[in-house]
Amino acid sequence: MWKCPKCGREFKNENQRHFCGDPSKMTVDDYINSQPEEIIPILNKVRETIRKALPDAEEKISYGMPTYKEKHNLIHFAAQKKHLGLYPGEKAVEHFEDRLSDYKTSKGAVQFPYNKEIPYELIAEIAKWRKETGNHA
């Protein structure tokens, strides 16, 4: 186990990147800036894409990841080791299944590998669909 000298939290991996503050006070900026440098521009662009698609949505951290909410959670995203995880819910994945066929999907989740171009326009369409349909499952 590795212990962060700054915050005292323990991790399996030595020098693991993380947010040293109180996790309950983490902002989306904190989340993005705690990720590996090569991932940060991707996360910032996903954030910008979703904010443009959902200009009235509240931006917060929920379930440990950036979340956009209007009465209900609409969409989440998260940095994974080899892919960007997008979590729009099961019905959105079903609705866009033809356009998501090149990506790994599971119940309510999509994996966009970092070694492929991230489909920002599709992410925006999914976010808008979530709001417009009221499909919050």
N, C-alpha and C. Protein backbone atom coordinates (compact mmCIF):
# COMPACT_ATOMS: atom_id res chain seq x y z
N MET A 1 0.84 -1.19 0.00
CA MET A 1 0.00 0.00 0.00
C MET A 1 0.89 1.25 0.00
N TRP A 2 0.43 2.23 -0.77
CA TRP A 2 1.12 3.52 -0.82
C TRP A 2 0.27 4.55 -0.11
N LYS A 3 0.87 5.36 0.73
CA LYS A 3 0.16 6.40 1.47
C LYS A 3 0.57 7.75 0.92
N CYS A 4 -0.42 8.54 0.52
CA CYS A 4 -0.15 9.88 -0.01
C CYS A 4 0.42 10.75 1.11
N PRO A 5 1.59 11.34 0.89
CA PRO A 5 2.18 12.17 1.94
C PRO A 5 1.40 13.47 2.19
N LYS A 6 0.59 13.87 1.23
CA LYS A 6 -0.16 15.13 1.38
C LYS A 6 -1.46 14.94 2.17
N CYS A 7 -2.25 13.90 1.82
CA CYS A 7 -3.56 13.74 2.47
C CYS A 7 -3.65 12.53 3.39
N GLY A 8 -2.69 11.62 3.28
CA GLY A 8 -2.69 10.45 4.15
C GLY A 8 -3.55 9.28 3.69
N ARG A 9 -4.24 9.43 2.55
CA ARG A 9 -5.06 8.32 2.04
C ARG A 9 -4.15 7.22 1.51
N GLU A 10 -4.61 5.98 1.61
CA GLU A 10 -3.83 4.84 1.15
C GLU A 10 -4.40 4.25 -0.13
N PHE A 11 -3.49 3.82 -1.02
CA PHE A 11 -3.86 3.28 -2.32
C PHE A 11 -3.00 2.06 -2.63
N LYS A 12 -3.53 1.19 -3.50
CA LYS A 12 -2.78 0.01 -3.93
C LYS A 12 -1.57 0.40 -4.77
N ASN A 13 -1.77 1.41 -5.65
CA ASN A 13 -0.71 1.80 -6.59
C ASN A 13 0.11 2.96 -6.05
N GLU A 14 1.42 2.86 -6.21
CA GLU A 14 2.31 3.92 -5.77
C GLU A 14 2.09 5.18 -6.62
N ASN A 15 2.08 6.34 -5.97
CA ASN A 15 1.91 7.64 -6.61
C ASN A 15 0.61 7.74 -7.41
N GLN A 16 -0.44 7.06 -6.95
CA GLN A 16 -1.73 7.10 -7.64
C GLN A 16 -2.28 8.52 -7.63
N ARG A 17 -2.72 8.99 -8.81
CA ARG A 17 -3.32 10.32 -8.90
C ARG A 17 -4.69 10.27 -8.23
N HIS A 18 -4.99 11.31 -7.47
CA HIS A 18 -6.25 11.36 -6.75
C HIS A 18 -6.49 12.79 -6.25
N PHE A 19 -7.69 13.01 -5.73
CA PHE A 19 -8.07 14.28 -5.14
C PHE A 19 -7.75 14.20 -3.65
N CYS A 20 -6.92 15.11 -3.17
CA CYS A 20 -6.50 15.06 -1.77
C CYS A 20 -7.50 15.67 -0.80
N GLY A 21 -8.43 16.45 -1.28
CA GLY A 21 -9.39 17.10 -0.39
C GLY A 21 -10.49 16.16 0.07
N ASP A 22 -11.46 16.74 0.72
CA ASP A 22 -12.63 16.01 1.19
C ASP A 22 -13.43 15.58 -0.04
N PRO A 23 -13.59 14.27 -0.28
CA PRO A 23 -14.31 13.81 -1.48
C PRO A 23 -15.73 14.39 -1.60
N SER A 24 -16.36 14.71 -0.48
CA SER A 24 -17.72 15.26 -0.55
C SER A 24 -17.72 16.70 -1.06
N LYS A 25 -16.56 17.33 -1.11
CA LYS A 25 -16.45 18.71 -1.60
C LYS A 25 -15.78 18.79 -2.97
N MET A 26 -15.55 17.64 -3.60
CA MET A 26 -14.88 17.60 -4.89
C MET A 26 -15.74 18.28 -5.96
N THR A 27 -15.10 19.09 -6.79
CA THR A 27 -15.77 19.73 -7.92
C THR A 27 -15.40 18.99 -9.20
N VAL A 28 -16.08 19.33 -10.28
CA VAL A 28 -15.73 18.72 -11.57
C VAL A 28 -14.31 19.15 -11.96
N ASP A 29 -13.94 20.39 -11.67
CA ASP A 29 -12.55 20.81 -11.94
C ASP A 29 -11.57 19.94 -11.17
N ASP A 30 -11.84 19.69 -9.89
CA ASP A 30 -10.97 18.83 -9.08
C ASP A 30 -10.86 17.45 -9.70
N TYR A 31 -12.01 16.90 -10.11
CA TYR A 31 -12.03 15.56 -10.71
C TYR A 31 -11.15 15.53 -11.97
N ILE A 32 -11.38 16.46 -12.86
CA ILE A 32 -10.64 16.47 -14.12
C ILE A 32 -9.15 16.66 -13.87
N ASN A 33 -8.80 17.58 -12.99
CA ASN A 33 -7.39 17.88 -12.74
C ASN A 33 -6.66 16.79 -11.97
N SER A 34 -7.40 15.83 -11.42
CA SER A 34 -6.76 14.72 -10.71
C SER A 34 -6.45 13.55 -11.66
N GLN A 35 -6.79 13.70 -12.93
CA GLN A 35 -6.58 12.63 -13.91
C GLN A 35 -5.22 12.77 -14.60
N PRO A 36 -4.75 11.73 -15.27
CA PRO A 36 -3.48 11.82 -16.00
C PRO A 36 -3.50 12.96 -17.03
N GLU A 37 -2.38 13.62 -17.18
CA GLU A 37 -2.27 14.79 -18.06
C GLU A 37 -2.79 14.56 -19.46
N GLU A 38 -2.54 13.39 -20.03
CA GLU A 38 -2.95 13.14 -21.41
C GLU A 38 -4.48 12.98 -21.55
N ILE A 39 -5.18 12.74 -20.44
CA ILE A 39 -6.62 12.55 -20.45
C ILE A 39 -7.37 13.87 -20.22
N ILE A 40 -6.73 14.80 -19.55
CA ILE A 40 -7.38 16.06 -19.16
C ILE A 40 -8.01 16.80 -20.34
N PRO A 41 -7.33 16.96 -21.49
CA PRO A 41 -7.98 17.66 -22.60
C PRO A 41 -9.24 16.96 -23.10
N ILE A 42 -9.25 15.64 -23.09
CA ILE A 42 -10.44 14.88 -23.50
C ILE A 42 -11.58 15.15 -22.54
N LEU A 43 -11.30 15.08 -21.25
CA LEU A 43 -12.34 15.31 -20.24
C LEU A 43 -12.88 16.73 -20.31
N ASN A 44 -12.00 17.69 -20.53
CA ASN A 44 -12.47 19.07 -20.67
C ASN A 44 -13.37 19.25 -21.88
N LYS A 45 -13.05 18.56 -22.97
CA LYS A 45 -13.89 18.68 -24.16
C LYS A 45 -15.24 17.98 -23.96
N VAL A 46 -15.25 16.84 -23.28
CA VAL A 46 -16.52 16.17 -22.97
C VAL A 46 -17.37 17.08 -22.09
N ARG A 47 -16.74 17.67 -21.10
CA ARG A 47 -17.45 18.60 -20.21
C ARG A 47 -18.05 19.76 -21.00
N GLU A 48 -17.25 20.36 -21.85
CA GLU A 48 -17.72 21.48 -22.68
C GLU A 48 -18.88 21.04 -23.59
N THR A 49 -18.75 19.86 -24.16
CA THR A 49 -19.77 19.31 -25.05
C THR A 49 -21.10 19.14 -24.31
N ILE A 50 -21.04 18.55 -23.13
CA ILE A 50 -22.27 18.31 -22.36
C ILE A 50 -22.86 19.63 -21.86
N ARG A 51 -22.01 20.55 -21.44
CA ARG A 51 -22.52 21.85 -20.97
C ARG A 51 -23.23 22.61 -22.08
N LYS A 52 -22.72 22.52 -23.30
CA LYS A 52 -23.39 23.17 -24.44
C LYS A 52 -24.72 22.47 -24.75
N ALA A 53 -24.73 21.16 -24.64
CA ALA A 53 -25.94 20.40 -24.94
C ALA A 53 -27.01 20.58 -23.86
N LEU A 54 -26.57 20.78 -22.63
CA LEU A 54 -27.48 20.90 -21.48
C LEU A 54 -27.16 22.18 -20.70
N PRO A 55 -27.38 23.35 -21.30
CA PRO A 55 -26.94 24.60 -20.66
C PRO A 55 -27.60 24.89 -19.31
N ASP A 56 -28.76 24.32 -19.05
CA ASP A 56 -29.44 24.59 -17.78
C ASP A 56 -29.18 23.52 -16.72
N ALA A 57 -28.42 22.51 -17.07
CA ALA A 57 -28.18 21.42 -16.13
C ALA A 57 -27.23 21.84 -15.02
N GLU A 58 -27.49 21.30 -13.85
CA GLU A 58 -26.57 21.48 -12.72
C GLU A 58 -25.40 20.52 -12.91
N GLU A 59 -24.21 21.03 -12.73
CA GLU A 59 -23.01 20.21 -12.84
C GLU A 59 -22.53 19.89 -11.42
N LYS A 60 -22.32 18.61 -11.15
CA LYS A 60 -21.89 18.21 -9.82
C LYS A 60 -21.14 16.88 -9.90
N ILE A 61 -20.58 16.48 -8.78
CA ILE A 61 -20.00 15.15 -8.68
C ILE A 61 -21.03 14.26 -7.99
N SER A 62 -21.35 13.16 -8.63
CA SER A 62 -22.27 12.19 -8.05
C SER A 62 -21.73 10.81 -8.42
N TYR A 63 -21.79 9.89 -7.49
CA TYR A 63 -21.20 8.56 -7.71
C TYR A 63 -19.72 8.68 -8.06
N GLY A 64 -19.06 9.73 -7.59
CA GLY A 64 -17.62 9.91 -7.81
C GLY A 64 -17.24 10.36 -9.20
N MET A 65 -18.22 10.86 -9.99
CA MET A 65 -17.91 11.28 -11.35
C MET A 65 -18.73 12.51 -11.74
N PRO A 66 -18.27 13.25 -12.74
CA PRO A 66 -19.03 14.41 -13.22
C PRO A 66 -20.42 13.98 -13.67
N THR A 67 -21.41 14.75 -13.22
CA THR A 67 -22.81 14.43 -13.44
C THR A 67 -23.55 15.70 -13.82
N TYR A 68 -24.53 15.55 -14.70
CA TYR A 68 -25.36 16.68 -15.15
C TYR A 68 -26.80 16.34 -14.83
N LYS A 69 -27.46 17.26 -14.13
CA LYS A 69 -28.77 16.99 -13.55
C LYS A 69 -29.75 18.12 -13.83
N GLU A 70 -30.97 17.75 -14.18
CA GLU A 70 -32.12 18.66 -14.24
C GLU A 70 -33.27 17.87 -13.65
N LYS A 71 -33.57 18.07 -12.41
CA LYS A 71 -34.55 17.30 -11.64
C LYS A 71 -34.06 15.88 -11.39
N HIS A 72 -33.51 15.24 -12.42
CA HIS A 72 -32.95 13.89 -12.32
C HIS A 72 -31.55 13.92 -12.93
N ASN A 73 -30.73 12.95 -12.55
CA ASN A 73 -29.44 12.81 -13.21
C ASN A 73 -29.69 12.47 -14.67
N LEU A 74 -29.04 13.21 -15.57
CA LEU A 74 -29.20 12.96 -17.00
C LEU A 74 -28.07 12.14 -17.58
N ILE A 75 -26.84 12.50 -17.21
CA ILE A 75 -25.69 11.84 -17.82
C ILE A 75 -24.47 12.03 -16.92
N HIS A 76 -23.60 11.02 -16.91
CA HIS A 76 -22.35 11.06 -16.15
C HIS A 76 -21.22 10.69 -17.12
N PHE A 77 -20.01 11.10 -16.78
CA PHE A 77 -18.84 10.58 -17.49
C PHE A 77 -17.72 10.36 -16.50
N ALA A 78 -16.79 9.48 -16.87
CA ALA A 78 -15.67 9.17 -15.98
C ALA A 78 -14.46 8.74 -16.77
N ALA A 79 -13.30 9.09 -16.24
CA ALA A 79 -12.03 8.68 -16.83
C ALA A 79 -11.69 7.28 -16.32
N GLN A 80 -11.48 6.37 -17.24
CA GLN A 80 -11.01 5.04 -16.90
C GLN A 80 -9.59 4.90 -17.47
N LYS A 81 -8.93 3.83 -17.15
CA LYS A 81 -7.53 3.68 -17.57
C LYS A 81 -7.36 3.74 -19.09
N LYS A 82 -8.21 3.03 -19.83
CA LYS A 82 -8.05 2.94 -21.28
C LYS A 82 -9.21 3.52 -22.07
N HIS A 83 -10.23 4.02 -21.37
CA HIS A 83 -11.39 4.55 -22.08
C HIS A 83 -12.11 5.62 -21.26
N LEU A 84 -12.92 6.37 -21.97
CA LEU A 84 -13.84 7.32 -21.35
C LEU A 84 -15.14 6.57 -21.13
N GLY A 85 -15.63 6.57 -19.92
CA GLY A 85 -16.91 5.95 -19.64
C GLY A 85 -18.01 7.01 -19.71
N LEU A 86 -19.06 6.72 -20.45
CA LEU A 86 -20.22 7.60 -20.53
C LEU A 86 -21.40 6.81 -19.99
N TYR A 87 -22.17 7.43 -19.09
CA TYR A 87 -23.24 6.73 -18.40
C TYR A 87 -24.56 7.49 -18.59
N PRO A 88 -25.22 7.27 -19.73
CA PRO A 88 -26.47 7.97 -20.01
C PRO A 88 -27.72 7.18 -19.61
N GLY A 89 -27.56 5.97 -19.16
CA GLY A 89 -28.69 5.13 -18.79
C GLY A 89 -29.01 4.11 -19.87
N GLU A 90 -29.69 3.07 -19.44
CA GLU A 90 -29.99 1.92 -20.31
C GLU A 90 -30.81 2.30 -21.54
N LYS A 91 -31.84 3.12 -21.38
CA LYS A 91 -32.70 3.46 -22.51
C LYS A 91 -31.96 4.27 -23.56
N ALA A 92 -31.04 5.13 -23.16
CA ALA A 92 -30.25 5.90 -24.12
C ALA A 92 -29.33 4.97 -24.90
N VAL A 93 -28.71 4.02 -24.22
CA VAL A 93 -27.83 3.07 -24.92
C VAL A 93 -28.64 2.26 -25.92
N GLU A 94 -29.84 1.85 -25.54
CA GLU A 94 -30.71 1.11 -26.46
C GLU A 94 -31.11 1.99 -27.65
N HIS A 95 -31.50 3.23 -27.38
CA HIS A 95 -31.95 4.14 -28.44
C HIS A 95 -30.85 4.41 -29.47
N PHE A 96 -29.61 4.55 -29.02
CA PHE A 96 -28.49 4.88 -29.90
C PHE A 96 -27.65 3.66 -30.27
N GLU A 97 -28.19 2.44 -30.06
CA GLU A 97 -27.38 1.24 -30.24
C GLU A 97 -26.74 1.13 -31.63
N ASP A 98 -27.43 1.54 -32.69
CA ASP A 98 -26.84 1.46 -34.03
C ASP A 98 -25.60 2.34 -34.14
N ARG A 99 -25.67 3.51 -33.55
CA ARG A 99 -24.54 4.45 -33.63
C ARG A 99 -23.45 4.14 -32.61
N LEU A 100 -23.75 3.26 -31.67
CA LEU A 100 -22.77 2.86 -30.66
C LEU A 100 -22.18 1.48 -30.96
N SER A 101 -22.49 0.93 -32.12
CA SER A 101 -22.09 -0.44 -32.43
C SER A 101 -20.57 -0.64 -32.50
N ASP A 102 -19.81 0.43 -32.70
CA ASP A 102 -18.35 0.32 -32.74
C ASP A 102 -17.71 0.37 -31.35
N TYR A 103 -18.54 0.52 -30.33
CA TYR A 103 -18.02 0.69 -28.97
C TYR A 103 -18.58 -0.39 -28.05
N LYS A 104 -17.85 -0.67 -27.00
CA LYS A 104 -18.32 -1.61 -26.00
C LYS A 104 -19.40 -0.91 -25.18
N THR A 105 -20.54 -1.59 -25.03
CA THR A 105 -21.63 -1.05 -24.22
C THR A 105 -22.07 -2.10 -23.22
N SER A 106 -22.69 -1.63 -22.17
CA SER A 106 -23.33 -2.52 -21.21
C SER A 106 -24.56 -1.78 -20.72
N LYS A 107 -25.27 -2.35 -19.81
CA LYS A 107 -26.52 -1.75 -19.34
C LYS A 107 -26.27 -0.31 -18.85
N GLY A 108 -26.64 0.66 -19.68
CA GLY A 108 -26.53 2.06 -19.29
C GLY A 108 -25.18 2.71 -19.44
N ALA A 109 -24.20 2.01 -20.03
CA ALA A 109 -22.85 2.55 -20.12
C ALA A 109 -22.25 2.34 -21.51
N VAL A 110 -21.35 3.26 -21.88
CA VAL A 110 -20.63 3.17 -23.14
C VAL A 110 -19.15 3.41 -22.85
N GLN A 111 -18.29 2.65 -23.53
CA GLN A 111 -16.85 2.84 -23.40
C GLN A 111 -16.30 3.39 -24.71
N PHE A 112 -15.70 4.59 -24.64
CA PHE A 112 -15.05 5.19 -25.78
C PHE A 112 -13.55 5.10 -25.55
N PRO A 113 -12.85 4.19 -26.27
CA PRO A 113 -11.41 4.03 -26.06
C PRO A 113 -10.65 5.31 -26.40
N TYR A 114 -9.63 5.60 -25.60
CA TYR A 114 -8.82 6.80 -25.84
C TYR A 114 -8.03 6.70 -27.14
N ASN A 115 -7.78 5.48 -27.63
CA ASN A 115 -6.99 5.34 -28.86
C ASN A 115 -7.84 5.48 -30.12
N LYS A 116 -9.13 5.80 -29.96
CA LYS A 116 -10.01 6.11 -31.09
C LYS A 116 -10.51 7.53 -30.90
N GLU A 117 -10.99 8.13 -31.98
CA GLU A 117 -11.52 9.48 -31.87
C GLU A 117 -12.80 9.46 -31.01
N ILE A 118 -12.87 10.37 -30.07
CA ILE A 118 -14.05 10.46 -29.20
C ILE A 118 -15.17 11.14 -29.99
N PRO A 119 -16.37 10.55 -30.06
CA PRO A 119 -17.47 11.12 -30.85
C PRO A 119 -18.24 12.20 -30.05
N TYR A 120 -17.66 13.38 -29.97
CA TYR A 120 -18.24 14.44 -29.15
C TYR A 120 -19.65 14.82 -29.61
N GLU A 121 -19.88 14.85 -30.92
CA GLU A 121 -21.22 15.19 -31.42
C GLU A 121 -22.26 14.16 -30.97
N LEU A 122 -21.88 12.90 -30.98
CA LEU A 122 -22.79 11.85 -30.52
C LEU A 122 -23.06 12.00 -29.02
N ILE A 123 -22.04 12.33 -28.25
CA ILE A 123 -22.22 12.56 -26.81
C ILE A 123 -23.24 13.69 -26.59
N ALA A 124 -23.12 14.76 -27.37
CA ALA A 124 -24.07 15.88 -27.26
C ALA A 124 -25.48 15.43 -27.60
N GLU A 125 -25.62 14.64 -28.65
CA GLU A 125 -26.95 14.15 -29.05
C GLU A 125 -27.56 13.27 -27.97
N ILE A 126 -26.75 12.43 -27.37
CA ILE A 126 -27.25 11.55 -26.31
C ILE A 126 -27.71 12.40 -25.12
N ALA A 127 -26.92 13.39 -24.74
CA ALA A 127 -27.28 14.26 -23.62
C ALA A 127 -28.59 14.99 -23.90
N LYS A 128 -28.73 15.53 -25.11
CA LYS A 128 -29.97 16.24 -25.47
C LYS A 128 -31.16 15.28 -25.47
N TRP A 129 -30.97 14.08 -26.00
CA TRP A 129 -32.04 13.08 -26.04
C TRP A 129 -32.52 12.77 -24.62
N ARG A 130 -31.57 12.62 -23.71
CA ARG A 130 -31.93 12.33 -22.31
C ARG A 130 -32.85 13.41 -21.75
N LYS A 131 -32.51 14.66 -22.03
CA LYS A 131 -33.32 15.77 -21.51
C LYS A 131 -34.68 15.83 -22.22
N GLU A 132 -34.65 15.77 -23.54
CA GLU A 132 -35.87 15.94 -24.34
C GLU A 132 -36.90 14.84 -24.13
N THR A 133 -36.44 13.62 -23.90
CA THR A 133 -37.38 12.50 -23.77
C THR A 133 -37.85 12.30 -22.33
N GLY A 134 -37.13 12.90 -21.40
CA GLY A 134 -37.49 12.66 -20.01
C GLY A 134 -37.15 11.25 -19.58
N ASN A 135 -36.35 10.56 -20.40
CA ASN A 135 -35.96 9.19 -20.08
C ASN A 135 -34.83 9.23 -19.06
N HIS A 136 -35.18 9.04 -17.81
CA HIS A 136 -34.20 9.18 -16.75
C HIS A 136 -33.83 7.85 -16.12
N ALA A 137 -34.10 6.79 -16.81
CA ALA A 137 -33.77 5.47 -16.28
C ALA A 137 -32.46 4.98 -16.87
